[in-house]
C-alpha atoms as a PDB file:
ATOM      1  CA  MET A   1     148.697 -21.949 -95.466  1.00  0.00           C
ATOM      2  CA  LYS A   2     148.575 -23.304 -99.059  1.00  0.00           C
ATOM      3  CA  ARG A   3     152.200 -23.574 -99.287  1.00  0.00           C
ATOM      4  CA  TYR A   4     152.322 -25.642 -96.140  1.00  0.00           C
ATOM      5  CA  HIS A   5     149.958 -28.283 -97.340  1.00  0.00           C
ATOM      6  CA  GLY A   6     152.092 -28.273-100.656  1.00  0.00           C
ATOM      7  CA  VAL A   7     155.152 -29.141 -98.537  1.00  0.00           C
ATOM      8  CA  LEU A   8     153.314 -31.490 -96.228  1.00  0.00           C
ATOM      9  CA  ILE A   9     152.050 -33.310 -99.607  1.00  0.00           C
ATOM     10  CA  ALA A  10     155.355 -33.086-100.951  1.00  0.00           C
ATOM     11  CA  LEU A  11     157.094 -34.851 -97.936  1.00  0.00           C
ATOM     12  CA  LEU A  12     154.165 -37.395 -97.508  1.00  0.00           C
ATOM     13  CA  PHE A  13     154.313 -38.621-101.174  1.00  0.00           C
ATOM     14  CA  PRO A  14     157.732 -40.198-100.956  1.00  0.00           C
ATOM     15  CA  ILE A  15     157.048 -41.424 -97.408  1.00  0.00           C
ATOM     16  CA  LEU A  16     153.950 -43.357 -98.450  1.00  0.00           C
ATOM     17  CA  LEU A  17     155.744 -44.631-101.653  1.00  0.00           C
ATOM     18  CA  PHE A  18     158.343 -46.060 -99.480  1.00  0.00           C
ATOM     19  CA  VAL A  19     155.820 -47.598 -96.972  1.00  0.00           C
ATOM     20  CA  ASN A  20     153.960 -49.137 -99.807  1.00  0.00           C
ATOM     21  CA  ALA A  21     157.213 -50.591-101.329  1.00  0.00           C
ATOM     22  CA  TRP A  22     158.252 -51.905 -97.712  1.00  0.00           C
ATOM     23  CA  GLN A  23     154.706 -53.670 -97.413  1.00  0.00           C
ATOM     24  CA  ALA A  24     155.119 -55.316-100.771  1.00  0.00           C
ATOM     25  CA  PHE A  25     158.555 -56.493 -99.825  1.00  0.00           C
ATOM     26  CA  ARG A  26     157.234 -57.823 -96.467  1.00  0.00           C
ATOM     27  CA  PHE A  27     154.236 -59.528 -98.288  1.00  0.00           C
ATOM     28  CA  GLU A  28     156.710 -61.150-100.848  1.00  0.00           C
ATOM     29  CA  MET A  29     159.035 -62.600 -97.999  1.00  0.00           C
ATOM     30  CA  LEU A  30     156.054 -63.871 -96.004  1.00  0.00           C
ATOM     31  CA  SER A  31     154.656 -65.500 -99.212  1.00  0.00           C
ATOM     32  CA  ARG A  32     157.790 -67.169 -99.863  1.00  0.00           C
ATOM     33  CA  GLU A  33     157.937 -68.408 -96.062  1.00  0.00           C
ATOM     34  CA  VAL A  34     154.285 -69.678 -96.342  1.00  0.00           C
ATOM     35  CA  VAL A  35     155.273 -71.722 -99.437  1.00  0.00           C
ATOM     36  CA  GLY A  36     158.402 -73.086 -97.675  1.00  0.00           C
ATOM     37  CA  LEU A  37     156.387 -73.973 -94.760  1.00  0.00           C
ATOM     38  CA  GLU A  38     153.577 -75.544 -96.902  1.00  0.00           C
ATOM     39  CA  GLN A  39     156.419 -77.634 -98.544  1.00  0.00           C
ATOM     40  CA  GLN A  40     157.827 -78.827 -95.164  1.00  0.00           C
ATOM     41  CA  GLN A  41     154.282 -79.834 -94.170  1.00  0.00           C
ATOM     42  CA  HIS A  42     153.835 -81.728 -97.331  1.00  0.00           C
ATOM     43  CA  ASP A  43     157.197 -83.605 -96.802  1.00  0.00           C
ATOM     44  CA  VAL A  44     156.291 -84.310 -93.080  1.00  0.00           C
ATOM     45  CA  ILE A  45     152.878 -85.906 -94.029  1.00  0.00           C
ATOM     46  CA  GLU A  46     154.503 -87.914 -96.838  1.00  0.00           C
ATOM     47  CA  LYS A  47     157.215 -89.305 -94.328  1.00  0.00           C
ATOM     48  CA  ASN A  48     154.244 -89.951 -91.886  1.00  0.00           C
ATOM     49  CA  LYS A  49     152.372 -91.968 -94.515  1.00  0.00           C
ATOM     50  CA  ARG A  50     155.341 -94.109 -95.264  1.00  0.00           C
ATOM     51  CA  SER A  51     156.072 -94.692 -91.738  1.00  0.00           C
ATOM     52  CA  ILE A  52     152.415 -95.672 -91.082  1.00  0.00           C
ATOM     53  CA  ALA A  53     152.766 -98.079 -94.173  1.00  0.00           C
ATOM     54  CA  THR A  54     156.038 -99.647 -93.014  1.00  0.00           C
ATOM     55  CA  LEU A  55     154.401-100.093 -89.424  1.00  0.00           C
ATOM     56  CA  SER A  56     151.665-102.117 -90.744  1.00  0.00           C
ATOM     57  CA  VAL A  57     153.808-104.212 -92.791  1.00  0.00           C
ATOM     58  CA  LEU A  58     155.792-104.884 -89.592  1.00  0.00           C
ATOM     59  CA  ARG A  59     153.144-105.620 -87.285  1.00  0.00           C
ATOM     60  CA  SER A  60     151.322-108.177 -89.787  1.00  0.00           C
ATOM     61  CA  PRO A  61     150.719-111.431 -88.063  1.00  0.00           C
ATOM     62  CA  ALA A  62     152.201-113.491 -90.988  1.00  0.00           C
ATOM     63  CA  ARG A  63     155.425-111.813 -90.828  1.00  0.00           C
ATOM     64  CA  ILE A  64     155.631-112.105 -86.898  1.00  0.00           C
ATOM     65  CA  ARG A  65     154.813-115.639 -87.462  1.00  0.00           C
ATOM     66  CA  ASP A  66     157.462-116.178 -90.028  1.00  0.00           C
ATOM     67  CA  ILE A  67     160.128-114.553 -87.823  1.00  0.00           C
ATOM     68  CA  ALA A  68     159.053-116.708 -84.667  1.00  0.00           C
ATOM     69  CA  SER A  69     159.581-119.893 -86.848  1.00  0.00           C
ATOM     70  CA  GLY A  70     162.104-119.014 -89.022  1.00  0.00           C
ATOM     71  CA  GLN A  71     164.610-117.068 -87.225  1.00  0.00           C
ATOM     72  CA  LEU A  72     163.878-117.830 -83.638  1.00  0.00           C
ATOM     73  CA  GLY A  73     162.947-121.358 -84.031  1.00  0.00           C
ATOM     74  CA  LEU A  74     159.533-121.228 -82.224  1.00  0.00           C
ATOM     75  CA  ASP A  75     156.608-123.432 -83.046  1.00  0.00           C
ATOM     76  CA  ARG A  76     152.982-122.919 -82.354  1.00  0.00           C
ATOM     77  CA  VAL A  77     151.848-124.808 -78.962  1.00  0.00           C
ATOM     78  CA  ASP A  78     148.855-126.977 -79.094  1.00  0.00           C
ATOM     79  CA  SER A  79     145.863-125.635 -76.990  1.00  0.00           C
ATOM     80  CA  ASN A  80     145.743-128.762 -74.699  1.00  0.00           C
ATOM     81  CA  ARG A  81     149.384-127.784 -73.439  1.00  0.00           C
ATOM     82  CA  VAL A  82     148.450-124.306 -72.426  1.00  0.00           C
ATOM     83  CA  PHE A  83     147.451-123.953 -68.796  1.00  0.00           C
ATOM     84  CA  THR A  84     145.691-121.034 -67.251  1.00  0.00           C
ATOM     85  CA  ILE A  85     146.700-120.213 -63.583  1.00  0.00           C
ATOM     86  CA  GLN A  86     144.457-117.837 -61.578  1.00  0.00           C
ATOM     87  CA  LEU A  87     145.771-116.235 -58.420  1.00  0.00           C
ATOM     88  CA  GLU A  88     143.663-114.949 -55.621  1.00  0.00           C
ATOM     89  CA  SER A  89     144.390-111.326 -54.679  1.00  0.00           C
ATOM     90  CA  ARG A  90     145.509-111.035 -50.898  1.00  0.00           C
ATOM     91  CA  ARG A  91     143.638-107.926 -50.042  1.00  0.00           C
END
């Protein structure tokens, strides 16, 4: 019976060492993947920040006014030349 335990321990020891090494390998691979995903997340967040800043510049009223007058030749209309028409609904 003691010999059986000795053989069993002799067989289990290399198996457990292999499992430990495999787990360490998997941990290292997953750690590298997490670092890569964190870098991708950081890049996407920075790109999003740049897009928001660009959008705020493009939507500024001063820029729109400059484009309307400079490129399109539009002028501001006096408020007395603006008419409001209200239509009744036909329900």
